[in-house]
């Protein structure tokens, strides 16, 4: 397990929220496949596969939705949604 933990979904800006979403996605991969050696072997296959890259983006998007909900971004940063 990586040493950096996520202690909160609360962020100061949507940009920080997106960075947190990326971090959560990365942590998910590390938990799913804890062996760094195995991840290194697999990386060439998925890093050049468009479907894998799209799936990665979808995972990040779901995490960002969660972070955005926790932070009420659509109310705070986009008042026209109120």
Foldseek 3Di string as FASTA:
>chain_A
DDPDDDDDLDDDDLVVNLVVLLVVLVVVVCVVPVDPVVCVVCCVVLVPDPVSVVVSVVSSVVSSVVSCVVHVCCVVVPVVVD
